[in-house]
N, C-alpha and C. Protein backbone atom coordinates (compact mmCIF):
# COMPACT_ATOMS: atom_id res chain seq x y z
N MET A 1 -6.04 -13.21 -9.02
CA MET A 1 -5.54 -12.12 -8.19
C MET A 1 -5.25 -12.60 -6.77
N ARG A 2 -6.07 -13.52 -6.26
CA ARG A 2 -5.83 -14.04 -4.91
C ARG A 2 -4.54 -14.83 -4.83
N VAL A 3 -4.24 -15.60 -5.88
CA VAL A 3 -3.01 -16.39 -5.90
C VAL A 3 -1.80 -15.46 -5.88
N LYS A 4 -1.87 -14.39 -6.65
CA LYS A 4 -0.77 -13.44 -6.69
C LYS A 4 -0.56 -12.81 -5.32
N ARG A 5 -1.64 -12.40 -4.68
CA ARG A 5 -1.53 -11.80 -3.34
C ARG A 5 -0.97 -12.79 -2.33
N LEU A 6 -1.36 -14.05 -2.44
CA LEU A 6 -0.86 -15.08 -1.55
C LEU A 6 0.65 -15.24 -1.73
N PHE A 7 1.11 -15.29 -2.98
CA PHE A 7 2.54 -15.42 -3.24
C PHE A 7 3.32 -14.20 -2.76
N VAL A 8 2.77 -13.02 -2.97
CA VAL A 8 3.43 -11.81 -2.49
C VAL A 8 3.51 -11.82 -0.96
N PHE A 9 2.42 -12.20 -0.30
CA PHE A 9 2.40 -12.28 1.16
C PHE A 9 3.42 -13.30 1.66
N LEU A 10 3.42 -14.50 1.09
CA LEU A 10 4.35 -15.54 1.53
C LEU A 10 5.80 -15.15 1.24
N GLY A 11 6.04 -14.52 0.10
CA GLY A 11 7.39 -14.05 -0.21
C GLY A 11 7.86 -13.00 0.78
N GLY A 12 6.98 -12.05 1.11
CA GLY A 12 7.32 -11.02 2.09
C GLY A 12 7.55 -11.61 3.46
N LEU A 13 6.75 -12.58 3.83
CA LEU A 13 6.90 -13.24 5.12
C LEU A 13 8.25 -13.97 5.20
N LEU A 14 8.59 -14.70 4.15
CA LEU A 14 9.87 -15.40 4.10
C LEU A 14 11.04 -14.42 4.14
N PHE A 15 10.90 -13.32 3.40
CA PHE A 15 11.94 -12.28 3.38
C PHE A 15 12.12 -11.69 4.78
N GLY A 16 11.02 -11.36 5.43
CA GLY A 16 11.08 -10.79 6.78
C GLY A 16 11.71 -11.74 7.78
N PHE A 17 11.33 -13.02 7.73
CA PHE A 17 11.93 -13.99 8.63
C PHE A 17 13.43 -14.13 8.37
N GLY A 18 13.81 -14.11 7.09
CA GLY A 18 15.23 -14.19 6.74
C GLY A 18 16.01 -13.02 7.28
N LEU A 19 15.44 -11.82 7.15
CA LEU A 19 16.11 -10.63 7.68
C LEU A 19 16.25 -10.71 9.19
N ALA A 20 15.19 -11.14 9.87
CA ALA A 20 15.22 -11.24 11.33
C ALA A 20 16.22 -12.30 11.78
N ALA A 21 16.21 -13.45 11.12
CA ALA A 21 17.12 -14.54 11.51
C ALA A 21 18.59 -14.17 11.29
N SER A 22 18.85 -13.36 10.27
CA SER A 22 20.23 -12.99 9.94
C SER A 22 20.76 -11.85 10.80
N GLY A 23 19.88 -11.15 11.49
CA GLY A 23 20.29 -10.01 12.31
C GLY A 23 20.20 -8.68 11.58
N MET A 24 19.74 -8.68 10.34
CA MET A 24 19.67 -7.43 9.59
C MET A 24 18.58 -6.49 10.09
N THR A 25 17.74 -6.95 11.01
CA THR A 25 16.71 -6.08 11.57
C THR A 25 17.23 -5.29 12.76
N LYS A 26 18.47 -5.53 13.12
CA LYS A 26 19.08 -4.81 14.25
C LYS A 26 20.09 -3.81 13.70
N PRO A 27 19.76 -2.51 13.77
CA PRO A 27 20.66 -1.50 13.20
C PRO A 27 22.09 -1.57 13.72
N GLU A 28 22.28 -1.96 14.98
CA GLU A 28 23.63 -2.03 15.52
C GLU A 28 24.47 -3.10 14.81
N ILE A 29 23.84 -4.19 14.38
CA ILE A 29 24.56 -5.23 13.64
C ILE A 29 24.90 -4.72 12.23
N VAL A 30 23.96 -4.03 11.61
CA VAL A 30 24.20 -3.48 10.27
C VAL A 30 25.32 -2.43 10.33
N LEU A 31 25.27 -1.57 11.32
CA LEU A 31 26.31 -0.54 11.45
C LEU A 31 27.68 -1.18 11.71
N SER A 32 27.71 -2.24 12.50
CA SER A 32 28.96 -2.95 12.74
C SER A 32 29.50 -3.55 11.44
N PHE A 33 28.60 -4.04 10.60
CA PHE A 33 28.99 -4.56 9.29
C PHE A 33 29.54 -3.43 8.41
N LEU A 34 28.84 -2.31 8.38
CA LEU A 34 29.26 -1.19 7.54
C LEU A 34 30.59 -0.58 8.00
N GLN A 35 30.92 -0.76 9.27
CA GLN A 35 32.20 -0.28 9.80
C GLN A 35 33.29 -1.34 9.66
N LEU A 36 32.96 -2.44 8.99
CA LEU A 36 33.88 -3.56 8.74
C LEU A 36 34.37 -4.23 10.02
N LYS A 37 33.55 -4.18 11.07
CA LYS A 37 33.91 -4.83 12.34
C LYS A 37 33.35 -6.24 12.40
N ASP A 38 32.18 -6.47 11.79
CA ASP A 38 31.54 -7.78 11.78
C ASP A 38 31.07 -8.05 10.36
N LEU A 39 31.74 -8.95 9.67
CA LEU A 39 31.43 -9.19 8.27
C LEU A 39 30.47 -10.37 8.06
N GLY A 40 29.79 -10.78 9.11
CA GLY A 40 28.86 -11.90 9.01
C GLY A 40 27.73 -11.67 8.01
N LEU A 41 27.33 -10.43 7.83
CA LEU A 41 26.25 -10.15 6.88
C LEU A 41 26.67 -10.36 5.43
N LEU A 42 27.97 -10.48 5.18
CA LEU A 42 28.42 -10.80 3.83
C LEU A 42 27.85 -12.14 3.37
N LEU A 43 27.75 -13.09 4.30
CA LEU A 43 27.16 -14.39 3.97
C LEU A 43 25.69 -14.23 3.59
N VAL A 44 24.99 -13.37 4.30
CA VAL A 44 23.57 -13.13 4.02
C VAL A 44 23.42 -12.47 2.64
N ILE A 45 24.21 -11.44 2.40
CA ILE A 45 24.14 -10.72 1.13
C ILE A 45 24.56 -11.64 -0.02
N GLY A 46 25.64 -12.39 0.18
CA GLY A 46 26.10 -13.32 -0.85
C GLY A 46 25.08 -14.41 -1.14
N GLY A 47 24.46 -14.94 -0.09
CA GLY A 47 23.42 -15.96 -0.28
C GLY A 47 22.22 -15.41 -1.04
N ALA A 48 21.82 -14.19 -0.69
CA ALA A 48 20.69 -13.56 -1.38
C ALA A 48 21.03 -13.31 -2.85
N ALA A 49 22.24 -12.85 -3.12
CA ALA A 49 22.65 -12.60 -4.51
C ALA A 49 22.69 -13.91 -5.30
N LEU A 50 23.17 -14.99 -4.69
CA LEU A 50 23.22 -16.28 -5.36
C LEU A 50 21.82 -16.80 -5.69
N VAL A 51 20.93 -16.77 -4.70
CA VAL A 51 19.56 -17.23 -4.93
C VAL A 51 18.86 -16.40 -6.00
N THR A 52 19.02 -15.08 -5.92
CA THR A 52 18.40 -14.19 -6.91
C THR A 52 18.96 -14.44 -8.30
N GLY A 53 20.27 -14.55 -8.40
CA GLY A 53 20.89 -14.80 -9.70
C GLY A 53 20.41 -16.10 -10.32
N LEU A 54 20.38 -17.16 -9.53
CA LEU A 54 19.89 -18.44 -10.04
C LEU A 54 18.42 -18.37 -10.44
N THR A 55 17.63 -17.73 -9.61
CA THR A 55 16.19 -17.63 -9.89
C THR A 55 15.92 -16.86 -11.17
N ILE A 56 16.56 -15.71 -11.31
CA ILE A 56 16.34 -14.87 -12.49
C ILE A 56 16.76 -15.59 -13.77
N ASN A 57 17.83 -16.37 -13.70
CA ASN A 57 18.36 -17.00 -14.90
C ASN A 57 17.80 -18.39 -15.19
N LEU A 58 17.40 -19.13 -14.18
CA LEU A 58 16.94 -20.50 -14.40
C LEU A 58 15.43 -20.66 -14.50
N ILE A 59 14.68 -19.96 -13.68
CA ILE A 59 13.22 -20.14 -13.66
C ILE A 59 12.58 -19.89 -15.03
N PRO A 60 12.96 -18.83 -15.76
CA PRO A 60 12.35 -18.64 -17.08
C PRO A 60 12.64 -19.78 -18.07
N LYS A 61 13.70 -20.53 -17.84
CA LYS A 61 14.02 -21.66 -18.71
C LYS A 61 13.19 -22.90 -18.37
N VAL A 62 12.73 -22.96 -17.13
CA VAL A 62 11.97 -24.12 -16.66
C VAL A 62 10.46 -23.90 -16.81
N MET A 63 10.02 -22.67 -16.62
CA MET A 63 8.59 -22.36 -16.68
C MET A 63 8.30 -21.48 -17.89
N LYS A 64 7.11 -21.65 -18.47
CA LYS A 64 6.73 -20.84 -19.62
C LYS A 64 6.30 -19.44 -19.22
N GLU A 65 5.61 -19.34 -18.08
CA GLU A 65 5.16 -18.04 -17.58
C GLU A 65 5.14 -18.05 -16.06
N PRO A 66 5.20 -16.89 -15.44
CA PRO A 66 5.16 -16.84 -13.97
C PRO A 66 3.85 -17.40 -13.41
N ILE A 67 3.93 -17.94 -12.23
CA ILE A 67 2.74 -18.51 -11.57
C ILE A 67 1.67 -17.45 -11.40
N THR A 68 2.09 -16.23 -11.15
CA THR A 68 1.13 -15.15 -10.90
C THR A 68 0.64 -14.47 -12.18
N GLY A 69 1.01 -15.00 -13.33
CA GLY A 69 0.58 -14.43 -14.61
C GLY A 69 1.63 -13.49 -15.17
N GLY A 70 1.35 -12.98 -16.35
CA GLY A 70 2.29 -12.07 -17.00
C GLY A 70 3.31 -12.83 -17.83
N LYS A 71 4.42 -12.18 -18.10
CA LYS A 71 5.48 -12.77 -18.92
C LYS A 71 6.83 -12.54 -18.26
N PHE A 72 7.75 -13.45 -18.53
CA PHE A 72 9.13 -13.22 -18.13
C PHE A 72 9.75 -12.28 -19.16
N LYS A 73 10.43 -11.26 -18.71
CA LYS A 73 11.10 -10.36 -19.64
C LYS A 73 12.35 -9.80 -18.99
N ARG A 74 13.28 -9.42 -19.81
CA ARG A 74 14.51 -8.83 -19.30
C ARG A 74 14.23 -7.44 -18.76
N ARG A 75 14.89 -7.14 -17.68
CA ARG A 75 14.74 -5.82 -17.07
C ARG A 75 15.71 -4.86 -17.74
N GLU A 76 15.20 -3.74 -18.17
CA GLU A 76 16.07 -2.74 -18.76
C GLU A 76 16.64 -1.87 -17.65
N ARG A 77 17.94 -1.76 -17.62
CA ARG A 77 18.60 -0.97 -16.59
C ARG A 77 18.96 0.40 -17.15
N ILE A 78 18.66 1.40 -16.37
CA ILE A 78 19.00 2.76 -16.77
C ILE A 78 19.95 3.32 -15.72
N LEU A 79 21.18 3.57 -16.14
CA LEU A 79 22.16 4.15 -15.23
C LEU A 79 22.44 5.57 -15.70
N ASN A 80 22.01 6.51 -14.88
CA ASN A 80 22.23 7.91 -15.22
C ASN A 80 22.57 8.68 -13.94
N LYS A 81 22.71 9.98 -14.08
CA LYS A 81 23.09 10.83 -12.96
C LYS A 81 22.11 10.71 -11.79
N ARG A 82 20.82 10.68 -12.08
CA ARG A 82 19.81 10.59 -11.02
C ARG A 82 19.90 9.27 -10.27
N THR A 83 20.15 8.19 -10.98
CA THR A 83 20.28 6.89 -10.34
C THR A 83 21.48 6.87 -9.40
N ILE A 84 22.59 7.44 -9.85
CA ILE A 84 23.80 7.47 -9.03
C ILE A 84 23.60 8.34 -7.79
N ILE A 85 22.98 9.50 -7.96
CA ILE A 85 22.70 10.38 -6.82
C ILE A 85 21.76 9.68 -5.83
N GLY A 86 20.74 9.03 -6.34
CA GLY A 86 19.81 8.30 -5.47
C GLY A 86 20.50 7.19 -4.71
N ALA A 87 21.41 6.48 -5.37
CA ALA A 87 22.16 5.41 -4.71
C ALA A 87 23.06 5.98 -3.60
N ILE A 88 23.65 7.12 -3.87
CA ILE A 88 24.51 7.76 -2.85
C ILE A 88 23.67 8.19 -1.64
N ILE A 89 22.51 8.79 -1.89
CA ILE A 89 21.63 9.20 -0.79
C ILE A 89 21.16 7.99 0.00
N PHE A 90 20.77 6.92 -0.71
CA PHE A 90 20.34 5.69 -0.06
C PHE A 90 21.48 5.14 0.81
N GLY A 91 22.69 5.09 0.26
CA GLY A 91 23.83 4.56 1.00
C GLY A 91 24.18 5.37 2.23
N ILE A 92 24.11 6.69 2.11
CA ILE A 92 24.37 7.54 3.27
C ILE A 92 23.31 7.31 4.35
N GLY A 93 22.05 7.25 3.94
CA GLY A 93 20.97 7.00 4.90
C GLY A 93 21.13 5.65 5.57
N TRP A 94 21.53 4.65 4.80
CA TRP A 94 21.73 3.31 5.34
C TRP A 94 22.89 3.34 6.34
N GLY A 95 23.97 4.03 5.97
CA GLY A 95 25.14 4.10 6.84
C GLY A 95 24.90 4.86 8.12
N VAL A 96 24.11 5.93 8.05
CA VAL A 96 23.84 6.75 9.23
C VAL A 96 22.87 6.04 10.17
N SER A 97 21.83 5.44 9.60
CA SER A 97 20.76 4.86 10.43
C SER A 97 20.92 3.37 10.68
N GLY A 98 21.64 2.67 9.81
CA GLY A 98 21.76 1.22 9.94
C GLY A 98 20.52 0.49 9.50
N GLN A 99 19.71 1.12 8.67
CA GLN A 99 18.49 0.45 8.22
C GLN A 99 18.20 0.77 6.76
N CYS A 100 17.67 -0.23 6.07
CA CYS A 100 17.16 -0.02 4.72
C CYS A 100 15.66 -0.33 4.78
N PRO A 101 14.90 -0.02 3.75
CA PRO A 101 13.44 -0.19 3.85
C PRO A 101 13.00 -1.60 4.26
N GLY A 102 13.58 -2.62 3.66
CA GLY A 102 13.16 -3.99 3.98
C GLY A 102 13.44 -4.36 5.42
N SER A 103 14.65 -4.11 5.86
CA SER A 103 14.99 -4.49 7.24
C SER A 103 14.28 -3.61 8.25
N ALA A 104 13.98 -2.36 7.88
CA ALA A 104 13.26 -1.47 8.81
C ALA A 104 11.85 -1.99 9.07
N VAL A 105 11.17 -2.39 8.03
CA VAL A 105 9.80 -2.92 8.21
C VAL A 105 9.85 -4.23 8.99
N ALA A 106 10.83 -5.08 8.66
CA ALA A 106 10.96 -6.34 9.40
C ALA A 106 11.30 -6.09 10.86
N SER A 107 11.98 -4.99 11.17
CA SER A 107 12.32 -4.65 12.56
C SER A 107 11.08 -4.44 13.41
N ILE A 108 10.03 -3.92 12.80
CA ILE A 108 8.79 -3.74 13.55
C ILE A 108 8.26 -5.09 14.02
N GLY A 109 8.45 -6.11 13.16
CA GLY A 109 7.99 -7.46 13.51
C GLY A 109 8.69 -8.07 14.70
N ILE A 110 9.92 -7.60 14.99
CA ILE A 110 10.63 -8.11 16.16
C ILE A 110 10.48 -7.18 17.35
N GLY A 111 9.60 -6.17 17.21
CA GLY A 111 9.30 -5.28 18.33
C GLY A 111 10.16 -4.04 18.43
N ASN A 112 10.88 -3.71 17.40
CA ASN A 112 11.75 -2.53 17.41
C ASN A 112 10.93 -1.30 17.00
N VAL A 113 10.13 -0.79 17.90
CA VAL A 113 9.22 0.32 17.62
C VAL A 113 9.93 1.64 17.32
N PRO A 114 11.07 1.96 17.97
CA PRO A 114 11.74 3.23 17.64
C PRO A 114 12.16 3.34 16.17
N ILE A 115 12.22 2.22 15.49
CA ILE A 115 12.60 2.23 14.08
C ILE A 115 11.57 2.98 13.22
N LEU A 116 10.39 3.20 13.79
CA LEU A 116 9.34 3.93 13.06
C LEU A 116 9.81 5.33 12.66
N ILE A 117 10.69 5.92 13.44
CA ILE A 117 11.24 7.24 13.09
C ILE A 117 11.95 7.15 11.74
N GLY A 118 12.75 6.12 11.56
CA GLY A 118 13.45 5.93 10.30
C GLY A 118 12.50 5.65 9.15
N ILE A 119 11.47 4.85 9.40
CA ILE A 119 10.50 4.54 8.34
C ILE A 119 9.75 5.80 7.92
N VAL A 120 9.34 6.61 8.88
CA VAL A 120 8.66 7.87 8.56
C VAL A 120 9.60 8.76 7.74
N SER A 121 10.87 8.79 8.12
CA SER A 121 11.85 9.59 7.37
C SER A 121 11.98 9.10 5.93
N MET A 122 11.94 7.78 5.74
CA MET A 122 12.00 7.23 4.38
C MET A 122 10.80 7.68 3.56
N PHE A 123 9.62 7.64 4.17
CA PHE A 123 8.41 8.07 3.46
C PHE A 123 8.48 9.56 3.12
N ILE A 124 8.98 10.36 4.03
CA ILE A 124 9.12 11.80 3.76
C ILE A 124 10.09 12.02 2.60
N GLY A 125 11.21 11.32 2.62
CA GLY A 125 12.18 11.44 1.53
C GLY A 125 11.59 11.00 0.20
N ALA A 126 10.84 9.91 0.20
CA ALA A 126 10.21 9.44 -1.04
C ALA A 126 9.17 10.44 -1.54
N TYR A 127 8.41 11.03 -0.61
CA TYR A 127 7.42 12.03 -0.98
C TYR A 127 8.09 13.26 -1.61
N VAL A 128 9.13 13.76 -0.94
CA VAL A 128 9.84 14.95 -1.45
C VAL A 128 10.41 14.65 -2.84
N MET A 129 11.00 13.47 -3.01
CA MET A 129 11.57 13.10 -4.30
C MET A 129 10.48 13.07 -5.38
N GLY A 130 9.37 12.40 -5.07
CA GLY A 130 8.29 12.30 -6.04
C GLY A 130 7.61 13.61 -6.33
N ARG A 131 7.48 14.42 -5.33
CA ARG A 131 6.76 15.69 -5.47
C ARG A 131 7.57 16.77 -6.18
N PHE A 132 8.85 16.85 -5.86
CA PHE A 132 9.65 17.97 -6.36
C PHE A 132 10.71 17.61 -7.40
N PHE A 133 11.04 16.33 -7.55
CA PHE A 133 12.14 15.98 -8.45
C PHE A 133 11.77 14.99 -9.54
N SER A 134 10.52 14.62 -9.67
CA SER A 134 10.11 13.68 -10.71
C SER A 134 9.56 14.39 -11.92
């Protein structure tokens, strides 16, 4: 269990540093990207997609089981009306605020304290969804 927590911590730390280094922790940069004024984040998104794609497809061929235990298995994707509505709500929130959950939390690490308003709003939205729509 300690090894798993260590890997989760190190992965989160690496993810946060990557977000901060790329500028994704600054809502004004994200909003500029979403307005198609600064497309520099395309490199970040493309790099992340490439690394994820390679990892998901190659690691199970090289290793018998994950380092943290368990089994490698295919993820079943469910695309339905609720998923599409959730994606639309997420996209609107991202477009209005310039933050998604990962970059919002990483923003705190660079001292962006006002971002807490957005994080609290995300928690309220998740609570309402879980409480009334699940």
